[in-house]
Amino acid sequence: MKKASTPAFLLCLGLFVSAQSISFTQDQIDYGTIKKGSDGKQIFKFTNTGDKPLIISNVKSSCSCSVPSWTKSPVLPGKTGEITVQYDTKNIGKFSKSVEVFSNDVTFSRKLLRIKGEVK
């Protein structure tokens, strides 16, 4: 019985050891103080640190004032991708917004990114 369970255990272990993994260079961007009507574009860069293709299935913003776009094609192991957030700088005042990233990363299938700053 012990011999039959060993291959199954190794197979399961291999599924967790061999996988895609997302790693961001930063998970928060501080715009600082920016002028009304200025460019509100910022980029979050990430790397697939695993050994299988990484797929970003969706990116959702906490409000309609920040619009995300992202690398749609699978990101191969060791390669990089981007999530661009376009904040609407017509809104005056301080802001703190989140962007939720959904991927096939087996450990962190949901990752929360943040943007903050002040528009004057």
PDB file of N, CA and C in Angstrom:
ATOM      1  N   MET A   1       0.828  -1.199   0.000  1.00  0.00           N
ATOM      2  CA  MET A   1       0.000   0.000   0.000  1.00  0.00           C
ATOM      3  C   MET A   1       0.869   1.258   0.000  1.00  0.00           C
ATOM      4  N   LYS A   2       1.979   1.189   0.717  1.00  0.00           N
ATOM      5  CA  LYS A   2       2.854   2.340   0.819  1.00  0.00           C
ATOM      6  C   LYS A   2       3.466   2.691  -0.535  1.00  0.00           C
ATOM      7  N   LYS A   3       3.826   1.688  -1.333  1.00  0.00           N
ATOM      8  CA  LYS A   3       4.435   1.921  -2.634  1.00  0.00           C
ATOM      9  C   LYS A   3       3.450   2.553  -3.612  1.00  0.00           C
ATOM     10  N   ALA A   4       2.194   2.208  -3.538  1.00  0.00           N
ATOM     11  CA  ALA A   4       1.179   2.747  -4.446  1.00  0.00           C
ATOM     12  C   ALA A   4       0.897   4.217  -4.151  1.00  0.00           C
ATOM     13  N   SER A   5       0.994   4.627  -2.908  1.00  0.00           N
ATOM     14  CA  SER A   5       0.693   6.017  -2.562  1.00  0.00           C
ATOM     15  C   SER A   5       1.868   6.951  -2.825  1.00  0.00           C
ATOM     16  N   THR A   6       3.073   6.437  -2.887  1.00  0.00           N
ATOM     17  CA  THR A   6       4.255   7.279  -3.118  1.00  0.00           C
ATOM     18  C   THR A   6       4.207   7.967  -4.478  1.00  0.00           C
ATOM     19  N   PRO A   7       3.934   7.270  -5.591  1.00  0.00           N
ATOM     20  CA  PRO A   7       3.851   7.973  -6.880  1.00  0.00           C
ATOM     21  C   PRO A   7       2.744   9.033  -6.907  1.00  0.00           C
ATOM     22  N   ALA A   8       1.618   8.746  -6.284  1.00  0.00           N
ATOM     23  CA  ALA A   8       0.526   9.730  -6.253  1.00  0.00           C
ATOM     24  C   ALA A   8       0.949  10.972  -5.479  1.00  0.00           C
ATOM     25  N   PHE A   9       1.653  10.787  -4.379  1.00  0.00           N
ATOM     26  CA  PHE A   9       2.144  11.923  -3.587  1.00  0.00           C
ATOM     27  C   PHE A   9       3.128  12.757  -4.405  1.00  0.00           C
ATOM     28  N   LEU A  10       4.051  12.093  -5.089  1.00  0.00           N
ATOM     29  CA  LEU A  10       5.040  12.815  -5.893  1.00  0.00           C
ATOM     30  C   LEU A  10       4.377  13.572  -7.035  1.00  0.00           C
ATOM     31  N   LEU A  11       3.346  12.988  -7.630  1.00  0.00           N
ATOM     32  CA  LEU A  11       2.618  13.670  -8.702  1.00  0.00           C
ATOM     33  C   LEU A  11       1.954  14.935  -8.170  1.00  0.00           C
ATOM     34  N   CYS A  12       1.288  14.842  -7.026  1.00  0.00           N
ATOM     35  CA  CYS A  12       0.639  16.004  -6.410  1.00  0.00           C
ATOM     36  C   CYS A  12       1.667  17.063  -6.033  1.00  0.00           C
ATOM     37  N   LEU A  13       2.803  16.638  -5.487  1.00  0.00           N
ATOM     38  CA  LEU A  13       3.866  17.575  -5.121  1.00  0.00           C
ATOM     39  C   LEU A  13       4.383  18.297  -6.356  1.00  0.00           C
ATOM     40  N   GLY A  14       4.521  17.565  -7.450  1.00  0.00           N
ATOM     41  CA  GLY A  14       4.997  18.156  -8.699  1.00  0.00           C
ATOM     42  C   GLY A  14       4.055  19.210  -9.244  1.00  0.00           C
ATOM     43  N   LEU A  15       2.767  19.046  -9.021  1.00  0.00           N
ATOM     44  CA  LEU A  15       1.797  20.033  -9.486  1.00  0.00           C
ATOM     45  C   LEU A  15       1.961  21.361  -8.766  1.00  0.00           C
ATOM     46  N   PHE A  16       2.358  21.321  -7.495  1.00  0.00           N
ATOM     47  CA  PHE A  16       2.524  22.549  -6.734  1.00  0.00           C
ATOM     48  C   PHE A  16       3.898  23.172  -6.935  1.00  0.00           C
ATOM     49  N   VAL A  17       4.904  22.364  -7.168  1.00  0.00           N
ATOM     50  CA  VAL A  17       6.255  22.876  -7.365  1.00  0.00           C
ATOM     51  C   VAL A  17       6.380  23.516  -8.745  1.00  0.00           C
ATOM     52  N   SER A  18       5.739  22.931  -9.726  1.00  0.00           N
ATOM     53  CA  SER A  18       5.800  23.403 -11.097  1.00  0.00           C
ATOM     54  C   SER A  18       4.540  24.208 -11.395  1.00  0.00           C
ATOM     55  N   ALA A  19       4.654  25.519 -11.389  1.00  0.00           N
ATOM     56  CA  ALA A  19       3.469  26.349 -11.614  1.00  0.00           C
ATOM     57  C   ALA A  19       3.872  27.750 -12.042  1.00  0.00           C
ATOM     58  N   GLN A  20       2.873  28.524 -12.398  1.00  0.00           N
ATOM     59  CA  GLN A  20       3.066  29.920 -12.743  1.00  0.00           C
ATOM     60  C   GLN A  20       2.978  30.750 -11.466  1.00  0.00           C
ATOM     61  N   SER A  21       3.694  31.876 -11.454  1.00  0.00           N
ATOM     62  CA  SER A  21       3.719  32.714 -10.255  1.00  0.00           C
ATOM     63  C   SER A  21       3.916  34.166 -10.670  1.00  0.00           C
ATOM     64  N   ILE A  22       3.131  35.066 -10.089  1.00  0.00           N
ATOM     65  CA  ILE A  22       3.214  36.483 -10.444  1.00  0.00           C
ATOM     66  C   ILE A  22       3.980  37.245  -9.362  1.00  0.00           C
ATOM     67  N   SER A  23       4.864  38.112  -9.804  1.00  0.00           N
ATOM     68  CA  SER A  23       5.656  38.928  -8.885  1.00  0.00           C
ATOM     69  C   SER A  23       5.671  40.366  -9.398  1.00  0.00           C
ATOM     70  N   PHE A  24       5.140  41.294  -8.598  1.00  0.00           N
ATOM     71  CA  PHE A  24       5.092  42.710  -8.971  1.00  0.00           C
ATOM     72  C   PHE A  24       6.320  43.443  -8.446  1.00  0.00           C
ATOM     73  N   THR A  25       6.809  44.421  -9.216  1.00  0.00           N
ATOM     74  CA  THR A  25       7.931  45.236  -8.744  1.00  0.00           C
ATOM     75  C   THR A  25       7.472  46.144  -7.611  1.00  0.00           C
ATOM     76  N   GLN A  26       6.196  46.526  -7.632  1.00  0.00           N
ATOM     77  CA  GLN A  26       5.585  47.305  -6.550  1.00  0.00           C
ATOM     78  C   GLN A  26       4.094  47.044  -6.552  1.00  0.00           C
ATOM     79  N   ASP A  27       3.470  47.118  -5.378  1.00  0.00           N
ATOM     80  CA  ASP A  27       2.025  46.886  -5.328  1.00  0.00           C
ATOM     81  C   ASP A  27       1.256  48.151  -4.980  1.00  0.00           C
ATOM     82  N   GLN A  28       1.973  49.284  -4.878  1.00  0.00           N
ATOM     83  CA  GLN A  28       1.318  50.577  -4.656  1.00  0.00           C
ATOM     84  C   GLN A  28       2.086  51.654  -5.408  1.00  0.00           C
ATOM     85  N   ILE A  29       1.327  52.547  -6.029  1.00  0.00           N
ATOM     86  CA  ILE A  29       1.929  53.698  -6.713  1.00  0.00           C
ATOM     87  C   ILE A  29       1.348  54.959  -6.101  1.00  0.00           C
ATOM     88  N   ASP A  30       2.242  55.835  -5.670  1.00  0.00           N
ATOM     89  CA  ASP A  30       1.851  57.124  -5.108  1.00  0.00           C
ATOM     90  C   ASP A  30       2.086  58.193  -6.176  1.00  0.00           C
ATOM     91  N   TYR A  31       1.016  58.761  -6.666  1.00  0.00           N
ATOM     92  CA  TYR A  31       1.105  59.819  -7.674  1.00  0.00           C
ATOM     93  C   TYR A  31       1.702  61.098  -7.089  1.00  0.00           C
ATOM     94  N   GLY A  32       1.630  61.227  -5.769  1.00  0.00           N
ATOM     95  CA  GLY A  32       2.020  62.483  -5.143  1.00  0.00           C
ATOM     96  C   GLY A  32       0.951  63.518  -5.431  1.00  0.00           C
ATOM     97  N   THR A  33       1.350  64.773  -5.552  1.00  0.00           N
ATOM     98  CA  THR A  33       0.416  65.848  -5.899  1.00  0.00           C
ATOM     99  C   THR A  33       0.531  66.115  -7.391  1.00  0.00           C
ATOM    100  N   ILE A  34      -0.598  66.028  -8.088  1.00  0.00           N
ATOM    101  CA  ILE A  34      -0.616  66.263  -9.529  1.00  0.00           C
ATOM    102  C   ILE A  34      -1.670  67.312  -9.863  1.00  0.00           C
ATOM    103  N   LYS A  35      -1.503  67.946 -11.015  1.00  0.00           N
ATOM    104  CA  LYS A  35      -2.423  68.999 -11.439  1.00  0.00           C
ATOM    105  C   LYS A  35      -3.662  68.418 -12.092  1.00  0.00           C
ATOM    106  N   LYS A  36      -4.756  69.130 -11.898  1.00  0.00           N
ATOM    107  CA  LYS A  36      -6.015  68.761 -12.545  1.00  0.00           C
ATOM    108  C   LYS A  36      -5.796  68.717 -14.054  1.00  0.00           C
ATOM    109  N   GLY A  37      -6.287  67.657 -14.684  1.00  0.00           N
ATOM    110  CA  GLY A  37      -6.174  67.519 -16.137  1.00  0.00           C
ATOM    111  C   GLY A  37      -4.848  66.936 -16.607  1.00  0.00           C
ATOM    112  N   SER A  38      -3.928  66.634 -15.696  1.00  0.00           N
ATOM    113  CA  SER A  38      -2.646  66.058 -16.100  1.00  0.00           C
ATOM    114  C   SER A  38      -2.813  64.574 -16.435  1.00  0.00           C
ATOM    115  N   ASP A  39      -1.761  63.991 -16.971  1.00  0.00           N
ATOM    116  CA  ASP A  39      -1.795  62.576 -17.350  1.00  0.00           C
ATOM    117  C   ASP A  39      -1.850  61.705 -16.096  1.00  0.00           C
ATOM    118  N   GLY A  40      -2.882  60.898 -15.971  1.00  0.00           N
ATOM    119  CA  GLY A  40      -3.069  60.049 -14.804  1.00  0.00           C
ATOM    120  C   GLY A  40      -2.662  58.607 -15.030  1.00  0.00           C
ATOM    121  N   LYS A  41      -1.809  58.367 -16.015  1.00  0.00           N
ATOM    122  CA  LYS A  41      -1.409  57.012 -16.368  1.00  0.00           C
ATOM    123  C   LYS A  41      -0.224  56.547 -15.515  1.00  0.00           C
ATOM    124  N   GLN A  42      -0.354  55.349 -14.944  1.00  0.00           N
ATOM    125  CA  GLN A  42       0.724  54.698 -14.192  1.00  0.00           C
ATOM    126  C   GLN A  42       0.759  53.228 -14.586  1.00  0.00           C
ATOM    127  N   ILE A  43       1.932  52.617 -14.452  1.00  0.00           N
ATOM    128  CA  ILE A  43       2.103  51.227 -14.887  1.00  0.00           C
ATOM    129  C   ILE A  43       2.661  50.372 -13.753  1.00  0.00           C
ATOM    130  N   PHE A  44       1.975  49.270 -13.497  1.00  0.00           N
ATOM    131  CA  PHE A  44       2.464  48.239 -12.583  1.00  0.00           C
ATOM    132  C   PHE A  44       3.112  47.163 -13.454  1.00  0.00           C
ATOM    133  N   LYS A  45       4.366  46.864 -13.198  1.00  0.00           N
ATOM    134  CA  LYS A  45       5.067  45.828 -13.959  1.00  0.00           C
ATOM    135  C   LYS A  45       5.144  44.550 -13.134  1.00  0.00           C
ATOM    136  N   PHE A  46       5.014  43.428 -13.814  1.00  0.00           N
ATOM    137  CA  PHE A  46       5.106  42.142 -13.134  1.00  0.00           C
ATOM    138  C   PHE A  46       5.917  41.160 -13.959  1.00  0.00           C
ATOM    139  N   THR A  47       6.379  40.104 -13.289  1.00  0.00           N
ATOM    140  CA  THR A  47       7.158  39.052 -13.916  1.00  0.00           C
ATOM    141  C   THR A  47       6.535  37.707 -13.564  1.00  0.00           C
ATOM    142  N   ASN A  48       6.540  36.803 -14.522  1.00  0.00           N
ATOM    143  CA  ASN A  48       6.136  35.432 -14.250  1.00  0.00           C
ATOM    144  C   ASN A  48       7.368  34.720 -13.694  1.00  0.00           C
ATOM    145  N   THR A  49       7.401  34.498 -12.396  1.00  0.00           N
ATOM    146  CA  THR A  49       8.544  33.862 -11.750  1.00  0.00           C
ATOM    147  C   THR A  49       8.379  32.345 -11.654  1.00  0.00           C
ATOM    148  N   GLY A  50       7.350  31.813 -12.266  1.00  0.00           N
ATOM    149  CA  GLY A  50       7.130  30.374 -12.275  1.00  0.00           C
ATOM    150  C   GLY A  50       7.714  29.732 -13.524  1.00  0.00           C
ATOM    151  N   ASP A  51       7.301  28.504 -13.788  1.00  0.00           N
ATOM    152  CA  ASP A  51       7.817  27.804 -14.960  1.00  0.00           C
ATOM    153  C   ASP A  51       6.712  27.346 -15.919  1.00  0.00           C
ATOM    154  N   LYS A  52       5.531  27.954 -15.782  1.00  0.00           N
ATOM    155  CA  LYS A  52       4.421  27.721 -16.707  1.00  0.00           C
ATOM    156  C   LYS A  52       3.832  29.082 -17.086  1.00  0.00           C
ATOM    157  N   PRO A  53       3.131  29.176 -18.223  1.00  0.00           N
ATOM    158  CA  PRO A  53       2.560  30.469 -18.645  1.00  0.00           C
ATOM    159  C   PRO A  53       1.586  31.049 -17.609  1.00  0.00           C
ATOM    160  N   LEU A  54       1.697  32.344 -17.407  1.00  0.00           N
ATOM    161  CA  LEU A  54       0.841  33.089 -16.486  1.00  0.00           C
ATOM    162  C   LEU A  54      -0.229  33.816 -17.291  1.00  0.00           C
ATOM    163  N   ILE A  55      -1.468  33.711 -16.850  1.00  0.00           N
ATOM    164  CA  ILE A  55      -2.574  34.359 -17.555  1.00  0.00           C
ATOM    165  C   ILE A  55      -3.296  35.300 -16.598  1.00  0.00           C
ATOM    166  N   ILE A  56      -3.391  36.569 -16.982  1.00  0.00           N
ATOM    167  CA  ILE A  56      -4.190  37.550 -16.240  1.00  0.00           C
ATOM    168  C   ILE A  56      -5.585  37.476 -16.843  1.00  0.00           C
ATOM    169  N   SER A  57      -6.537  36.960 -16.084  1.00  0.00           N
ATOM    170  CA  SER A  57      -7.887  36.769 -16.623  1.00  0.00           C
ATOM    171  C   SER A  57      -8.751  38.014 -16.523  1.00  0.00           C
ATOM    172  N   ASN A  58      -8.481  38.859 -15.514  1.00  0.00           N
ATOM    173  CA  ASN A  58      -9.284  40.068 -15.353  1.00  0.00           C
ATOM    174  C   ASN A  58      -8.570  41.027 -14.405  1.00  0.00           C
ATOM    175  N   VAL A  59      -8.869  42.307 -14.562  1.00  0.00           N
ATOM    176  CA  VAL A  59      -8.391  43.346 -13.645  1.00  0.00           C
ATOM    177  C   VAL A  59      -9.562  44.280 -13.419  1.00  0.00           C
ATOM    178  N   LYS A  60      -9.924  44.472 -12.144  1.00  0.00           N
ATOM    179  CA  LYS A  60     -11.073  45.312 -11.794  1.00  0.00           C
ATOM    180  C   LYS A  60     -10.615  46.476 -10.924  1.00  0.00           C
ATOM    181  N   SER A  61     -11.172  47.634 -11.210  1.00  0.00           N
ATOM    182  CA  SER A  61     -10.895  48.829 -10.425  1.00  0.00           C
ATOM    183  C   SER A  61     -12.000  49.030  -9.391  1.00  0.00           C
ATOM    184  N   SER A  62     -11.654  49.711  -8.297  1.00  0.00           N
ATOM    185  CA  SER A  62     -12.644  49.978  -7.247  1.00  0.00           C
ATOM    186  C   SER A  62     -13.610  51.087  -7.632  1.00  0.00           C
ATOM    187  N   CYS A  63     -13.315  51.809  -8.724  1.00  0.00           N
ATOM    188  CA  CYS A  63     -14.235  52.858  -9.179  1.00  0.00           C
ATOM    189  C   CYS A  63     -14.058  53.099 -10.671  1.00  0.00           C
ATOM    190  N   SER A  64     -15.003  53.818 -11.264  1.00  0.00           N
ATOM    191  CA  SER A  64     -14.916  54.126 -12.692  1.00  0.00           C
ATOM    192  C   SER A  64     -13.920  55.248 -12.986  1.00  0.00           C
ATOM    193  N   CYS A  65     -13.366  55.862 -11.939  1.00  0.00           N
ATOM    194  CA  CYS A  65     -12.405  56.950 -12.121  1.00  0.00           C
ATOM    195  C   CYS A  65     -10.996  56.444 -12.426  1.00  0.00           C
ATOM    196  N   SER A  66     -10.769  55.148 -12.272  1.00  0.00           N
ATOM    197  CA  SER A  66      -9.478  54.561 -12.628  1.00  0.00           C
ATOM    198  C   SER A  66      -9.736  53.349 -13.520  1.00  0.00           C
ATOM    199  N   VAL A  67      -9.236  53.430 -14.748  1.00  0.00           N
ATOM    200  CA  VAL A  67      -9.514  52.408 -15.743  1.00  0.00           C
ATOM    201  C   VAL A  67      -8.253  51.579 -15.994  1.00  0.00           C
ATOM    202  N   PRO A  68      -8.330  50.266 -15.728  1.00  0.00           N
ATOM    203  CA  PRO A  68      -7.155  49.414 -15.956  1.00  0.00           C
ATOM    204  C   PRO A  68      -7.146  48.777 -17.349  1.00  0.00           C
ATOM    205  N   SER A  69      -5.951  48.511 -17.837  1.00  0.00           N
ATOM    206  CA  SER A  69      -5.747  47.674 -19.020  1.00  0.00           C
ATOM    207  C   SER A  69      -4.530  46.810 -18.712  1.00  0.00           C
ATOM    208  N   TRP A  70      -4.394  45.673 -19.386  1.00  0.00           N
ATOM    209  CA  TRP A  70      -3.335  44.748 -19.007  1.00  0.00           C
ATOM    210  C   TRP A  70      -2.897  43.879 -20.170  1.00  0.00           C
ATOM    211  N   THR A  71      -1.784  43.206 -19.977  1.00  0.00           N
ATOM    212  CA  THR A  71      -1.254  42.255 -20.941  1.00  0.00           C
ATOM    213  C   THR A  71      -2.245  41.102 -21.051  1.00  0.00           C
ATOM    214  N   LYS A  72      -2.812  40.929 -22.239  1.00  0.00           N
ATOM    215  CA  LYS A  72      -3.854  39.920 -22.439  1.00  0.00           C
ATOM    216  C   LYS A  72      -3.291  38.552 -22.826  1.00  0.00           C
ATOM    217  N   SER A  73      -2.146  38.514 -23.466  1.00  0.00           N
ATOM    218  CA  SER A  73      -1.576  37.231 -23.882  1.00  0.00           C
ATOM    219  C   SER A  73      -0.867  36.560 -22.706  1.00  0.00           C
ATOM    220  N   PRO A  74      -0.748  35.226 -22.736  1.00  0.00           N
ATOM    221  CA  PRO A  74      -0.051  34.533 -21.654  1.00  0.00           C
ATOM    222  C   PRO A  74       1.393  35.041 -21.528  1.00  0.00           C
ATOM    223  N   VAL A  75       1.833  35.210 -20.291  1.00  0.00           N
ATOM    224  CA  VAL A  75       3.194  35.674 -20.019  1.00  0.00           C
ATOM    225  C   VAL A  75       4.033  34.440 -19.715  1.00  0.00           C
ATOM    226  N   LEU A  76       5.010  34.197 -20.555  1.00  0.00           N
ATOM    227  CA  LEU A  76       5.838  33.007 -20.421  1.00  0.00           C
ATOM    228  C   LEU A  76       6.767  33.116 -19.208  1.00  0.00           C
ATOM    229  N   PRO A  77       7.247  31.993 -18.708  1.00  0.00           N
ATOM    230  CA  PRO A  77       8.153  32.012 -17.555  1.00  0.00           C
ATOM    231  C   PRO A  77       9.358  32.943 -17.783  1.00  0.00           C
ATOM    232  N   GLY A  78       9.637  33.770 -16.789  1.00  0.00           N
ATOM    233  CA  GLY A  78      10.758  34.710 -16.867  1.00  0.00           C
ATOM    234  C   GLY A  78      10.453  35.993 -17.615  1.00  0.00           C
ATOM    235  N   LYS A  79       9.310  36.069 -18.266  1.00  0.00           N
ATOM    236  CA  LYS A  79       8.942  37.253 -19.051  1.00  0.00           C
ATOM    237  C   LYS A  79       8.112  38.205 -18.193  1.00  0.00           C
ATOM    238  N   THR A  80       7.940  39.434 -18.702  1.00  0.00           N
ATOM    239  CA  THR A  80       7.227  40.464 -17.958  1.00  0.00           C
ATOM    240  C   THR A  80       5.952  40.892 -18.669  1.00  0.00           C
ATOM    241  N   GLY A  81       5.074  41.518 -17.904  1.00  0.00           N
ATOM    242  CA  GLY A  81       3.840  42.083 -18.424  1.00  0.00           C
ATOM    243  C   GLY A  81       3.535  43.369 -17.668  1.00  0.00           C
ATOM    244  N   GLU A  82       2.458  44.029 -18.056  1.00  0.00           N
ATOM    245  CA  GLU A  82       2.101  45.308 -17.438  1.00  0.00           C
ATOM    246  C   GLU A  82       0.612  45.412 -17.180  1.00  0.00           C
ATOM    247  N   ILE A  83       0.299  46.133 -16.116  1.00  0.00           N
ATOM    248  CA  ILE A  83      -1.069  46.558 -15.843  1.00  0.00           C
ATOM    249  C   ILE A  83      -1.023  48.075 -15.785  1.00  0.00           C
ATOM    250  N   THR A  84      -1.723  48.709 -16.708  1.00  0.00           N
ATOM    251  CA  THR A  84      -1.761  50.168 -16.790  1.00  0.00           C
ATOM    252  C   THR A  84      -3.042  50.654 -16.134  1.00  0.00           C
ATOM    253  N   VAL A  85      -2.913  51.676 -15.298  1.00  0.00           N
ATOM    254  CA  VAL A  85      -4.077  52.279 -14.652  1.00  0.00           C
ATOM    255  C   VAL A  85      -4.136  53.740 -15.085  1.00  0.00           C
ATOM    256  N   GLN A  86      -5.277  54.137 -15.622  1.00  0.00           N
ATOM    257  CA  GLN A  86      -5.495  55.512 -16.056  1.00  0.00           C
ATOM    258  C   GLN A  86      -6.464  56.172 -15.078  1.00  0.00           C
ATOM    259  N   TYR A  87      -5.931  57.044 -14.201  1.00  0.00           N
ATOM    260  CA  TYR A  87      -6.777  57.735 -13.230  1.00  0.00           C
ATOM    261  C   TYR A  87      -7.310  59.020 -13.860  1.00  0.00           C
ATOM    262  N   ASP A  88      -8.574  59.330 -13.632  1.00  0.00           N
ATOM    263  CA  ASP A  88      -9.218  60.532 -14.163  1.00  0.00           C
ATOM    264  C   ASP A  88      -8.837  61.724 -13.292  1.00  0.00           C
ATOM    265  N   THR A  89      -7.953  62.549 -13.783  1.00  0.00           N
ATOM    266  CA  THR A  89      -7.447  63.690 -13.002  1.00  0.00           C
ATOM    267  C   THR A  89      -8.362  64.913 -13.056  1.00  0.00           C
ATOM    268  N   LYS A  90      -9.582  64.748 -13.524  1.00  0.00           N
ATOM    269  CA  LYS A  90     -10.559  65.845 -13.441  1.00  0.00           C
ATOM    270  C   LYS A  90     -11.160  65.918 -12.042  1.00  0.00           C
ATOM    271  N   ASN A  91     -10.994  64.848 -11.276  1.00  0.00           N
ATOM    272  CA  ASN A  91     -11.527  64.785  -9.913  1.00  0.00           C
ATOM    273  C   ASN A  91     -10.521  65.410  -8.942  1.00  0.00           C
ATOM    274  N   ILE A  92     -10.863  66.562  -8.381  1.00  0.00           N
ATOM    275  CA  ILE A  92      -9.965  67.270  -7.460  1.00  0.00           C
ATOM    276  C   ILE A  92     -10.062  66.655  -6.066  1.00  0.00           C
ATOM    277  N   GLY A  93      -8.910  66.569  -5.413  1.00  0.00           N
ATOM    278  CA  GLY A  93      -8.858  66.076  -4.045  1.00  0.00           C
ATOM    279  C   GLY A  93      -7.975  64.844  -3.915  1.00  0.00           C
ATOM    280  N   LYS A  94      -7.893  64.361  -2.686  1.00  0.00           N
ATOM    281  CA  LYS A  94      -7.096  63.171  -2.409  1.00  0.00           C
ATOM    282  C   LYS A  94      -7.839  61.940  -2.906  1.00  0.00           C
ATOM    283  N   PHE A  95      -7.066  60.953  -3.332  1.00  0.00           N
ATOM    284  CA  PHE A  95      -7.671  59.700  -3.765  1.00  0.00           C
ATOM    285  C   PHE A  95      -6.817  58.519  -3.301  1.00  0.00           C
ATOM    286  N   SER A  96      -7.494  57.424  -3.074  1.00  0.00           N
ATOM    287  CA  SER A  96      -6.860  56.145  -2.731  1.00  0.00           C
ATOM    288  C   SER A  96      -7.770  55.069  -3.303  1.00  0.00           C
ATOM    289  N   LYS A  97      -7.303  54.404  -4.338  1.00  0.00           N
ATOM    290  CA  LYS A  97      -8.118  53.427  -5.063  1.00  0.00           C
ATOM    291  C   LYS A  97      -7.387  52.096  -5.143  1.00  0.00           C
ATOM    292  N   SER A  98      -8.154  51.050  -5.343  1.00  0.00           N
ATOM    293  CA  SER A  98      -7.556  49.732  -5.481  1.00  0.00           C
ATOM    294  C   SER A  98      -7.879  49.144  -6.850  1.00  0.00           C
ATOM    295  N   VAL A  99      -6.995  48.251  -7.273  1.00  0.00           N
ATOM    296  CA  VAL A  99      -7.148  47.520  -8.521  1.00  0.00           C
ATOM    297  C   VAL A  99      -6.903  46.056  -8.185  1.00  0.00           C
ATOM    298  N   GLU A 100      -7.882  45.209  -8.484  1.00  0.00           N
ATOM    299  CA  GLU A 100      -7.771  43.795  -8.155  1.00  0.00           C
ATOM    300  C   GLU A 100      -7.409  42.999  -9.404  1.00  0.00           C
ATOM    301  N   VAL A 101      -6.347  42.208  -9.289  1.00  0.00           N
ATOM    302  CA  VAL A 101      -5.823  41.430 -10.403  1.00  0.00           C
ATOM    303  C   VAL A 101      -6.171  39.955 -10.189  1.00  0.00           C
ATOM    304  N   PHE A 102      -6.755  39.334 -11.208  1.00  0.00           N
ATOM    305  CA  PHE A 102      -7.115  37.920 -11.164  1.00  0.00           C
ATOM    306  C   PHE A 102      -6.231  37.168 -12.160  1.00  0.00           C
ATOM    307  N   SER A 103      -5.537  36.137 -11.668  1.00  0.00           N
ATOM    308  CA  SER A 103      -4.640  35.377 -12.534  1.00  0.00           C
ATOM    309  C   SER A 103      -4.715  33.897 -12.205  1.00  0.00           C
ATOM    310  N   ASN A 104      -3.952  33.102 -12.943  1.00  0.00           N
ATOM    311  CA  ASN A 104      -3.891  31.671 -12.681  1.00  0.00           C
ATOM    312  C   ASN A 104      -2.709  31.306 -11.770  1.00  0.00           C
ATOM    313  N   ASP A 105      -2.171  32.284 -11.034  1.00  0.00           N
ATOM    314  CA  ASP A 105      -1.141  32.015 -10.026  1.00  0.00           C
ATOM    315  C   ASP A 105      -1.756  31.085  -8.981  1.00  0.00           C
ATOM    316  N   VAL A 106      -1.121  29.952  -8.722  1.00  0.00           N
ATOM    317  CA  VAL A 106      -1.705  28.965  -7.819  1.00  0.00           C
ATOM    318  C   VAL A 106      -1.686  29.401  -6.360  1.00  0.00           C
ATOM    319  N   THR A 107      -0.803  30.314  -5.997  1.00  0.00           N
ATOM    320  CA  THR A 107      -0.715  30.788  -4.611  1.00  0.00           C
ATOM    321  C   THR A 107      -1.526  32.053  -4.384  1.00  0.00           C
ATOM    322  N   PHE A 108      -1.411  33.019  -5.311  1.00  0.00           N
ATOM    323  CA  PHE A 108      -2.107  34.304  -5.184  1.00  0.00           C
ATOM    324  C   PHE A 108      -2.935  34.553  -6.441  1.00  0.00           C
ATOM    325  N   SER A 109      -4.086  33.893  -6.542  1.00  0.00           N
ATOM    326  CA  SER A 109      -4.922  34.056  -7.731  1.00  0.00           C
ATOM    327  C   SER A 109      -5.576  35.439  -7.783  1.00  0.00           C
ATOM    328  N   ARG A 110      -5.629  36.117  -6.624  1.00  0.00           N
ATOM    329  CA  ARG A 110      -6.134  37.498  -6.555  1.00  0.00           C
ATOM    330  C   ARG A 110      -5.081  38.341  -5.863  1.00  0.00           C
ATOM    331  N   LYS A 111      -4.725  39.453  -6.498  1.00  0.00           N
ATOM    332  CA  LYS A 111      -3.724  40.360  -5.939  1.00  0.00           C
ATOM    333  C   LYS A 111      -4.301  41.770  -5.951  1.00  0.00           C
ATOM    334  N   LEU A 112      -4.153  42.474  -4.848  1.00  0.00           N
ATOM    335  CA  LEU A 112      -4.673  43.829  -4.734  1.00  0.00           C
ATOM    336  C   LEU A 112      -3.534  44.838  -4.915  1.00  0.00           C
ATOM    337  N   LEU A 113      -3.710  45.739  -5.873  1.00  0.00           N
ATOM    338  CA  LEU A 113      -2.770  46.835  -6.116  1.00  0.00           C
ATOM    339  C   LEU A 113      -3.448  48.129  -5.699  1.00  0.00           C
ATOM    340  N   ARG A 114      -2.658  49.139  -5.359  1.00  0.00           N
ATOM    341  CA  ARG A 114      -3.240  50.425  -4.909  1.00  0.00           C
ATOM    342  C   ARG A 114      -2.585  51.606  -5.599  1.00  0.00           C
ATOM    343  N   ILE A 115      -3.417  52.624  -5.851  1.00  0.00           N
ATOM    344  CA  ILE A 115      -2.922  53.917  -6.309  1.00  0.00           C
ATOM    345  C   ILE A 115      -3.425  54.967  -5.342  1.00  0.00           C
ATOM    346  N   LYS A 116      -2.624  55.997  -5.146  1.00  0.00           N
ATOM    347  CA  LYS A 116      -3.059  57.082  -4.257  1.00  0.00           C
ATOM    348  C   LYS A 116      -2.371  58.370  -4.710  1.00  0.00           C
ATOM    349  N   GLY A 117      -2.907  59.474  -4.230  1.00  0.00           N
ATOM    350  CA  GLY A 117      -2.340  60.774  -4.561  1.00  0.00           C
ATOM    351  C   GLY A 117      -3.327  61.882  -4.269  1.00  0.00           C
ATOM    352  N   GLU A 118      -3.022  63.052  -4.833  1.00  0.00           N
ATOM    353  CA  GLU A 118      -3.906  64.204  -4.674  1.00  0.00           C
ATOM    354  C   GLU A 118      -3.875  65.017  -5.955  1.00  0.00           C
ATOM    355  N   VAL A 119      -5.079  65.390  -6.419  1.00  0.00           N
ATOM    356  CA  VAL A 119      -5.224  66.229  -7.604  1.00  0.00           C
ATOM    357  C   VAL A 119      -5.572  67.632  -7.116  1.00  0.00           C
ATOM    358  N   LYS A 120      -4.784  68.630  -7.567  1.00  0.00           N
ATOM    359  CA  LYS A 120      -5.039  70.028  -7.207  1.00  0.00           C
ATOM    360  C   LYS A 120      -5.329  70.858  -8.428  1.00  0.00           C
TER     361      LYS A 120
END
